[in-house]
Amino acid sequence: MSGATKTMGAVTVGALVLTTAYTVALGSSGWLWFAWIVLGLATLGLMAAGDG
């Protein structure tokens, strides 16, 4: 795994934690979850592209 892939993975996990905390504290936000899914797919794409 390259440094960029590790960083992207860490950002994705951190975003999941923040999105979950936001949902618990203030209620669900569809746009926030949509953004996290897009970020997750980008991370998976980076791994599948062979960079990871």
N, C-alpha and C. Protein backbone atom coordinates (compact mmCIF):
# COMPACT_ATOMS: atom_id res chain seq x y z
N MET A 1 0.84 -1.18 0.00
CA MET A 1 0.00 0.00 0.00
C MET A 1 0.88 1.24 0.00
N SER A 2 0.61 2.13 -0.90
CA SER A 2 1.40 3.35 -0.96
C SER A 2 0.93 4.34 0.10
N GLY A 3 1.71 5.38 0.29
CA GLY A 3 1.36 6.40 1.28
C GLY A 3 0.05 7.09 0.95
N ALA A 4 -0.19 7.33 -0.34
CA ALA A 4 -1.43 8.00 -0.74
C ALA A 4 -2.65 7.14 -0.42
N THR A 5 -2.53 5.84 -0.65
CA THR A 5 -3.64 4.93 -0.37
C THR A 5 -3.90 4.84 1.13
N LYS A 6 -2.84 4.78 1.93
CA LYS A 6 -3.01 4.74 3.38
C LYS A 6 -3.67 6.03 3.89
N THR A 7 -3.24 7.16 3.35
CA THR A 7 -3.82 8.44 3.76
C THR A 7 -5.29 8.50 3.38
N MET A 8 -5.61 8.08 2.17
CA MET A 8 -7.01 8.09 1.71
C MET A 8 -7.85 7.17 2.57
N GLY A 9 -7.32 6.02 2.93
CA GLY A 9 -8.03 5.08 3.81
C GLY A 9 -8.28 5.69 5.18
N ALA A 10 -7.28 6.36 5.73
CA ALA A 10 -7.43 6.98 7.03
C ALA A 10 -8.47 8.11 7.00
N VAL A 11 -8.45 8.89 5.93
CA VAL A 11 -9.43 9.98 5.78
C VAL A 11 -10.84 9.39 5.66
N THR A 12 -10.97 8.29 4.93
CA THR A 12 -12.27 7.65 4.76
C THR A 12 -12.81 7.13 6.09
N VAL A 13 -11.96 6.47 6.86
CA VAL A 13 -12.38 5.96 8.17
C VAL A 13 -12.72 7.13 9.10
N GLY A 14 -11.89 8.17 9.09
CA GLY A 14 -12.17 9.35 9.92
C GLY A 14 -13.49 10.01 9.53
N ALA A 15 -13.76 10.08 8.23
CA ALA A 15 -15.02 10.67 7.77
C ALA A 15 -16.20 9.81 8.21
N LEU A 16 -16.03 8.49 8.22
CA LEU A 16 -17.10 7.61 8.69
C LEU A 16 -17.39 7.87 10.16
N VAL A 17 -16.35 8.00 10.96
CA VAL A 17 -16.53 8.27 12.39
C VAL A 17 -17.24 9.61 12.60
N LEU A 18 -16.81 10.64 11.88
CA LEU A 18 -17.45 11.96 12.02
C LEU A 18 -18.89 11.94 11.52
N THR A 19 -19.15 11.25 10.43
CA THR A 19 -20.51 11.17 9.90
C THR A 19 -21.42 10.44 10.88
N THR A 20 -20.92 9.36 11.46
CA THR A 20 -21.70 8.62 12.44
C THR A 20 -21.97 9.47 13.68
N ALA A 21 -20.96 10.19 14.15
CA ALA A 21 -21.13 11.05 15.32
C ALA A 21 -22.14 12.15 15.03
N TYR A 22 -22.09 12.74 13.85
CA TYR A 22 -23.04 13.78 13.45
C TYR A 22 -24.46 13.21 13.44
N THR A 23 -24.61 12.00 12.89
CA THR A 23 -25.92 11.36 12.81
C THR A 23 -26.48 11.10 14.20
N VAL A 24 -25.64 10.63 15.11
CA VAL A 24 -26.09 10.34 16.47
C VAL A 24 -26.47 11.64 17.19
N ALA A 25 -25.67 12.68 17.02
CA ALA A 25 -25.88 13.92 17.76
C ALA A 25 -27.00 14.78 17.18
N LEU A 26 -27.06 14.90 15.85
CA LEU A 26 -27.96 15.88 15.24
C LEU A 26 -28.99 15.27 14.29
N GLY A 27 -28.90 13.99 14.03
CA GLY A 27 -29.83 13.37 13.10
C GLY A 27 -29.17 13.14 11.75
N SER A 28 -29.77 12.27 10.99
CA SER A 28 -29.18 11.85 9.73
C SER A 28 -29.20 12.96 8.68
N SER A 29 -28.14 13.01 7.90
CA SER A 29 -28.04 13.93 6.78
C SER A 29 -27.73 13.10 5.54
N GLY A 30 -28.69 13.05 4.62
CA GLY A 30 -28.51 12.26 3.42
C GLY A 30 -27.30 12.69 2.60
N TRP A 31 -27.08 14.00 2.50
CA TRP A 31 -25.94 14.51 1.73
C TRP A 31 -24.61 14.11 2.36
N LEU A 32 -24.57 14.09 3.68
CA LEU A 32 -23.34 13.71 4.37
C LEU A 32 -23.02 12.24 4.11
N TRP A 33 -24.02 11.38 4.18
CA TRP A 33 -23.80 9.97 3.90
C TRP A 33 -23.46 9.75 2.43
N PHE A 34 -24.11 10.49 1.53
CA PHE A 34 -23.79 10.39 0.11
C PHE A 34 -22.33 10.75 -0.13
N ALA A 35 -21.87 11.84 0.50
CA ALA A 35 -20.48 12.26 0.33
C ALA A 35 -19.53 11.19 0.87
N TRP A 36 -19.89 10.55 1.98
CA TRP A 36 -19.02 9.51 2.53
C TRP A 36 -18.98 8.30 1.59
N ILE A 37 -20.10 7.94 1.00
CA ILE A 37 -20.12 6.82 0.05
C ILE A 37 -19.24 7.12 -1.16
N VAL A 38 -19.33 8.34 -1.67
CA VAL A 38 -18.48 8.73 -2.80
C VAL A 38 -17.00 8.64 -2.41
N LEU A 39 -16.67 9.12 -1.22
CA LEU A 39 -15.29 9.04 -0.73
C LEU A 39 -14.84 7.58 -0.60
N GLY A 40 -15.72 6.74 -0.06
CA GLY A 40 -15.40 5.32 0.07
C GLY A 40 -15.17 4.65 -1.27
N LEU A 41 -16.01 4.98 -2.24
CA LEU A 41 -15.84 4.41 -3.58
C LEU A 41 -14.54 4.89 -4.23
N ALA A 42 -14.19 6.14 -4.01
CA ALA A 42 -12.93 6.66 -4.54
C ALA A 42 -11.74 5.93 -3.91
N THR A 43 -11.84 5.65 -2.62
CA THR A 43 -10.77 4.93 -1.93
C THR A 43 -10.65 3.50 -2.50
N LEU A 44 -11.80 2.84 -2.66
CA LEU A 44 -11.77 1.49 -3.23
C LEU A 44 -11.21 1.51 -4.65
N GLY A 45 -11.56 2.53 -5.43
CA GLY A 45 -11.04 2.65 -6.78
C GLY A 45 -9.53 2.83 -6.79
N LEU A 46 -9.03 3.60 -5.84
CA LEU A 46 -7.59 3.82 -5.74
C LEU A 46 -6.88 2.49 -5.41
N MET A 47 -7.48 1.71 -4.53
CA MET A 47 -6.89 0.42 -4.18
C MET A 47 -6.96 -0.54 -5.37
N ALA A 48 -8.09 -0.55 -6.07
CA ALA A 48 -8.27 -1.47 -7.19
C ALA A 48 -7.39 -1.09 -8.39
N ALA A 49 -7.03 0.17 -8.48
CA ALA A 49 -6.20 0.62 -9.60
C ALA A 49 -4.77 0.10 -9.50
N GLY A 50 -4.47 -0.54 -8.40
CA GLY A 50 -3.14 -1.12 -8.26
C GLY A 50 -2.18 -0.22 -7.49
N ASP A 51 -2.68 0.94 -7.06
CA ASP A 51 -1.82 1.82 -6.28
C ASP A 51 -1.66 1.27 -4.86
N GLY A 52 -2.61 0.46 -4.45
CA GLY A 52 -2.61 -0.07 -3.10
C GLY A 52 -2.17 -1.44 -3.09
